[in-house]
Amino acid sequence: TRDLSSTFRVCRRWLQYSNSAQLWQLLCDRRGWDTRLKMNTPPPERDWKWLYRCRSRVFRDDEVKNGLGYWEKGDSKFFGEWKNSVLDGIGV
């Protein structure tokens, strides 16, 4: 996605495409995340781009979690905004 994000800086039209909800939902679908499931849909305050960024960064157990990311512990899955390994702000 880093390459994709920098590509959108080329012109205004590409920037508009980069903010398209359909694009980011399609990218989530292509990652294999069933976007029909509630866990794989963004909270009302956030968009598909936010969800994609959260789910794309997987934290390790021994890592200090900061920024957007995703972490699994046993059968539980957590994604959202992290600060010092604690969900901070919006998260699921």
N, C-alpha and C. Protein backbone atom coordinates (compact mmCIF):
# COMPACT_ATOMS: atom_id res chain seq x y z
N THR A 1 0.81 -1.21 0.00
CA THR A 1 0.00 0.00 0.00
C THR A 1 0.85 1.26 0.00
N ARG A 2 2.08 1.17 0.44
CA ARG A 2 2.92 2.37 0.44
C ARG A 2 3.10 2.87 -0.99
N ASP A 3 3.37 1.94 -1.92
CA ASP A 3 3.50 2.33 -3.33
C ASP A 3 2.19 2.90 -3.85
N LEU A 4 1.09 2.27 -3.47
CA LEU A 4 -0.23 2.72 -3.89
C LEU A 4 -0.50 4.12 -3.37
N SER A 5 -0.17 4.36 -2.11
CA SER A 5 -0.40 5.68 -1.52
C SER A 5 0.42 6.77 -2.21
N SER A 6 1.66 6.47 -2.54
CA SER A 6 2.49 7.48 -3.21
C SER A 6 2.03 7.72 -4.64
N THR A 7 1.45 6.71 -5.27
CA THR A 7 0.93 6.86 -6.63
C THR A 7 -0.18 7.90 -6.67
N PHE A 8 -0.97 7.97 -5.63
CA PHE A 8 -2.10 8.88 -5.61
C PHE A 8 -1.68 10.35 -5.49
N ARG A 9 -0.41 10.60 -5.28
CA ARG A 9 0.07 11.98 -5.23
C ARG A 9 0.34 12.56 -6.61
N VAL A 10 0.15 11.76 -7.65
CA VAL A 10 0.49 12.16 -9.01
C VAL A 10 -0.39 13.30 -9.51
N CYS A 11 -1.70 13.20 -9.32
CA CYS A 11 -2.58 14.26 -9.79
C CYS A 11 -3.86 14.26 -8.96
N ARG A 12 -4.66 15.30 -9.13
CA ARG A 12 -5.88 15.44 -8.32
C ARG A 12 -6.87 14.31 -8.55
N ARG A 13 -7.00 13.87 -9.80
CA ARG A 13 -7.95 12.80 -10.10
C ARG A 13 -7.56 11.52 -9.36
N TRP A 14 -6.27 11.21 -9.37
CA TRP A 14 -5.82 10.01 -8.66
C TRP A 14 -6.02 10.18 -7.16
N LEU A 15 -5.86 11.41 -6.67
CA LEU A 15 -6.12 11.67 -5.26
C LEU A 15 -7.59 11.41 -4.93
N GLN A 16 -8.49 11.82 -5.81
CA GLN A 16 -9.92 11.54 -5.61
C GLN A 16 -10.16 10.04 -5.56
N TYR A 17 -9.53 9.30 -6.47
CA TYR A 17 -9.67 7.85 -6.46
C TYR A 17 -9.16 7.25 -5.16
N SER A 18 -8.09 7.83 -4.62
CA SER A 18 -7.50 7.28 -3.40
C SER A 18 -8.43 7.41 -2.20
N ASN A 19 -9.39 8.31 -2.28
CA ASN A 19 -10.34 8.49 -1.18
C ASN A 19 -11.68 7.82 -1.45
N SER A 20 -11.74 7.03 -2.51
CA SER A 20 -12.98 6.34 -2.87
C SER A 20 -13.24 5.17 -1.93
N ALA A 21 -14.40 5.16 -1.30
CA ALA A 21 -14.77 4.06 -0.39
C ALA A 21 -14.79 2.73 -1.14
N GLN A 22 -15.24 2.75 -2.39
CA GLN A 22 -15.32 1.50 -3.16
C GLN A 22 -13.93 0.91 -3.39
N LEU A 23 -12.93 1.76 -3.66
CA LEU A 23 -11.57 1.26 -3.87
C LEU A 23 -11.07 0.53 -2.64
N TRP A 24 -11.20 1.17 -1.48
CA TRP A 24 -10.66 0.58 -0.26
C TRP A 24 -11.46 -0.66 0.17
N GLN A 25 -12.76 -0.66 -0.07
CA GLN A 25 -13.55 -1.86 0.23
C GLN A 25 -13.12 -3.01 -0.69
N LEU A 26 -12.88 -2.70 -1.96
CA LEU A 26 -12.41 -3.71 -2.90
C LEU A 26 -11.05 -4.27 -2.46
N LEU A 27 -10.14 -3.40 -2.02
CA LEU A 27 -8.84 -3.86 -1.54
C LEU A 27 -8.99 -4.75 -0.31
N CYS A 28 -9.93 -4.43 0.57
CA CYS A 28 -10.20 -5.29 1.74
C CYS A 28 -10.71 -6.65 1.27
N ASP A 29 -11.63 -6.65 0.32
CA ASP A 29 -12.16 -7.90 -0.23
C ASP A 29 -11.04 -8.74 -0.84
N ARG A 30 -10.16 -8.10 -1.58
CA ARG A 30 -9.07 -8.82 -2.25
C ARG A 30 -8.08 -9.41 -1.26
N ARG A 31 -8.00 -8.85 -0.07
CA ARG A 31 -7.14 -9.41 0.98
C ARG A 31 -7.79 -10.64 1.62
N GLY A 32 -9.04 -10.90 1.25
CA GLY A 32 -9.72 -12.06 1.79
C GLY A 32 -10.53 -11.76 3.04
N TRP A 33 -10.70 -10.48 3.35
CA TRP A 33 -11.50 -10.11 4.51
C TRP A 33 -12.94 -10.00 4.06
N ASP A 34 -13.79 -10.87 4.55
CA ASP A 34 -15.20 -10.89 4.16
C ASP A 34 -15.87 -9.62 4.69
N THR A 35 -16.07 -8.64 3.81
CA THR A 35 -16.58 -7.34 4.25
C THR A 35 -18.07 -7.38 4.58
N ARG A 36 -18.69 -8.55 4.47
CA ARG A 36 -20.08 -8.68 4.91
C ARG A 36 -20.15 -8.91 6.42
N LEU A 37 -19.02 -9.33 7.03
CA LEU A 37 -18.98 -9.56 8.47
C LEU A 37 -18.74 -8.25 9.20
N LYS A 38 -19.41 -8.08 10.33
CA LYS A 38 -19.28 -6.83 11.08
C LYS A 38 -17.83 -6.54 11.47
N MET A 39 -17.08 -7.60 11.83
CA MET A 39 -15.69 -7.40 12.23
C MET A 39 -14.85 -6.82 11.10
N ASN A 40 -15.26 -7.06 9.88
CA ASN A 40 -14.49 -6.59 8.72
C ASN A 40 -15.10 -5.36 8.06
N THR A 41 -15.85 -4.59 8.82
CA THR A 41 -16.37 -3.32 8.33
C THR A 41 -15.91 -2.21 9.27
N PRO A 42 -15.66 -1.04 8.74
CA PRO A 42 -15.17 0.04 9.61
C PRO A 42 -16.27 0.54 10.54
N PRO A 43 -15.87 1.03 11.73
CA PRO A 43 -16.85 1.67 12.61
C PRO A 43 -17.46 2.88 11.91
N PRO A 44 -18.63 3.33 12.34
CA PRO A 44 -19.30 4.45 11.68
C PRO A 44 -18.46 5.72 11.58
N GLU A 45 -17.55 5.92 12.55
CA GLU A 45 -16.74 7.14 12.54
C GLU A 45 -15.53 7.06 11.61
N ARG A 46 -15.29 5.89 11.01
CA ARG A 46 -14.12 5.69 10.17
C ARG A 46 -14.52 5.17 8.80
N ASP A 47 -13.54 5.12 7.88
CA ASP A 47 -13.84 4.68 6.52
C ASP A 47 -13.07 3.41 6.17
N TRP A 48 -13.26 2.94 4.93
CA TRP A 48 -12.63 1.70 4.48
C TRP A 48 -11.11 1.83 4.42
N LYS A 49 -10.61 3.00 4.10
CA LYS A 49 -9.16 3.21 4.06
C LYS A 49 -8.57 3.00 5.45
N TRP A 50 -9.23 3.51 6.46
CA TRP A 50 -8.80 3.34 7.85
C TRP A 50 -8.76 1.85 8.20
N LEU A 51 -9.83 1.13 7.85
CA LEU A 51 -9.89 -0.30 8.13
C LEU A 51 -8.75 -1.04 7.43
N TYR A 52 -8.51 -0.73 6.17
CA TYR A 52 -7.45 -1.38 5.41
C TYR A 52 -6.09 -1.15 6.09
N ARG A 53 -5.85 0.07 6.49
CA ARG A 53 -4.58 0.40 7.15
C ARG A 53 -4.44 -0.34 8.48
N CYS A 54 -5.54 -0.44 9.23
CA CYS A 54 -5.49 -1.17 10.51
C CYS A 54 -5.21 -2.64 10.29
N ARG A 55 -5.95 -3.25 9.39
CA ARG A 55 -5.83 -4.70 9.18
C ARG A 55 -4.54 -5.08 8.49
N SER A 56 -3.89 -4.15 7.79
CA SER A 56 -2.67 -4.45 7.06
C SER A 56 -1.44 -4.51 7.95
N ARG A 57 -1.50 -3.85 9.09
CA ARG A 57 -0.34 -3.86 10.00
C ARG A 57 -0.64 -4.79 11.16
N VAL A 58 0.07 -5.91 11.19
CA VAL A 58 -0.14 -6.91 12.24
C VAL A 58 0.96 -6.76 13.29
N PHE A 59 0.53 -6.55 14.53
CA PHE A 59 1.49 -6.42 15.62
C PHE A 59 1.87 -7.79 16.16
N ARG A 60 3.13 -7.94 16.54
CA ARG A 60 3.59 -9.15 17.23
C ARG A 60 3.26 -9.01 18.72
N ASP A 61 3.22 -10.15 19.42
CA ASP A 61 2.93 -10.13 20.85
C ASP A 61 3.95 -9.31 21.64
N ASP A 62 5.23 -9.41 21.25
CA ASP A 62 6.30 -8.75 22.01
C ASP A 62 6.56 -7.31 21.58
N GLU A 63 5.74 -6.81 20.68
CA GLU A 63 5.95 -5.48 20.12
C GLU A 63 5.10 -4.44 20.87
N VAL A 64 5.68 -3.25 21.08
CA VAL A 64 4.89 -2.14 21.63
C VAL A 64 4.01 -1.64 20.50
N LYS A 65 2.71 -1.60 20.74
CA LYS A 65 1.74 -1.27 19.71
C LYS A 65 1.45 0.23 19.73
N ASN A 66 1.78 0.90 18.63
CA ASN A 66 1.49 2.32 18.47
C ASN A 66 1.01 2.57 17.06
N GLY A 67 0.02 3.44 16.91
CA GLY A 67 -0.52 3.75 15.59
C GLY A 67 -1.65 2.80 15.22
N LEU A 68 -1.96 2.74 13.94
CA LEU A 68 -3.01 1.85 13.45
C LEU A 68 -2.46 0.44 13.32
N GLY A 69 -3.27 -0.55 13.72
CA GLY A 69 -2.79 -1.91 13.58
C GLY A 69 -3.79 -2.95 14.06
N TYR A 70 -3.36 -4.20 13.95
CA TYR A 70 -4.18 -5.37 14.21
C TYR A 70 -3.39 -6.33 15.09
N TRP A 71 -4.06 -6.94 16.07
CA TRP A 71 -3.40 -7.86 16.99
C TRP A 71 -4.36 -8.96 17.37
N GLU A 72 -3.87 -10.18 17.38
CA GLU A 72 -4.67 -11.34 17.78
C GLU A 72 -4.10 -11.92 19.05
N LYS A 73 -5.01 -12.31 19.96
CA LYS A 73 -4.60 -13.01 21.18
C LYS A 73 -5.60 -14.14 21.37
N GLY A 74 -5.15 -15.36 21.15
CA GLY A 74 -6.06 -16.50 21.21
C GLY A 74 -7.12 -16.38 20.14
N ASP A 75 -8.38 -16.48 20.54
CA ASP A 75 -9.49 -16.35 19.60
C ASP A 75 -9.94 -14.91 19.43
N SER A 76 -9.35 -13.99 20.18
CA SER A 76 -9.77 -12.59 20.13
C SER A 76 -8.93 -11.81 19.11
N LYS A 77 -9.60 -10.90 18.42
CA LYS A 77 -8.93 -10.07 17.41
C LYS A 77 -9.24 -8.61 17.72
N PHE A 78 -8.23 -7.78 17.69
CA PHE A 78 -8.38 -6.37 18.00
C PHE A 78 -7.73 -5.54 16.89
N PHE A 79 -8.43 -4.54 16.39
CA PHE A 79 -7.79 -3.62 15.45
C PHE A 79 -8.29 -2.23 15.71
N GLY A 80 -7.41 -1.27 15.41
CA GLY A 80 -7.77 0.12 15.62
C GLY A 80 -6.55 0.97 15.90
N GLU A 81 -6.77 2.00 16.70
CA GLU A 81 -5.73 2.97 17.03
C GLU A 81 -5.13 2.58 18.37
N TRP A 82 -3.81 2.43 18.40
CA TRP A 82 -3.10 1.97 19.59
C TRP A 82 -2.15 3.04 20.10
N LYS A 83 -1.96 3.03 21.42
CA LYS A 83 -0.96 3.89 22.05
C LYS A 83 -0.38 3.10 23.21
N ASN A 84 0.92 2.87 23.18
CA ASN A 84 1.61 2.12 24.22
C ASN A 84 0.93 0.78 24.51
N SER A 85 0.59 0.06 23.45
CA SER A 85 0.00 -1.28 23.52
C SER A 85 -1.41 -1.32 24.09
N VAL A 86 -2.09 -0.19 24.12
CA VAL A 86 -3.48 -0.13 24.58
C VAL A 86 -4.31 0.48 23.46
N LEU A 87 -5.49 -0.13 23.17
CA LEU A 87 -6.38 0.49 22.19
C LEU A 87 -6.71 1.89 22.67
N ASP A 88 -6.51 2.87 21.81
CA ASP A 88 -6.66 4.27 22.20
C ASP A 88 -7.41 4.97 21.07
N GLY A 89 -8.57 5.47 21.34
CA GLY A 89 -9.37 6.08 20.29
C GLY A 89 -10.34 5.05 19.74
N ILE A 90 -10.47 4.99 18.44
CA ILE A 90 -11.41 4.09 17.79
C ILE A 90 -10.77 2.72 17.64
N GLY A 91 -11.53 1.68 17.96
CA GLY A 91 -11.02 0.32 17.79
C GLY A 91 -12.14 -0.68 17.91
N VAL A 92 -11.86 -1.87 17.45
CA VAL A 92 -12.84 -2.96 17.50
C VAL A 92 -12.16 -4.17 18.09
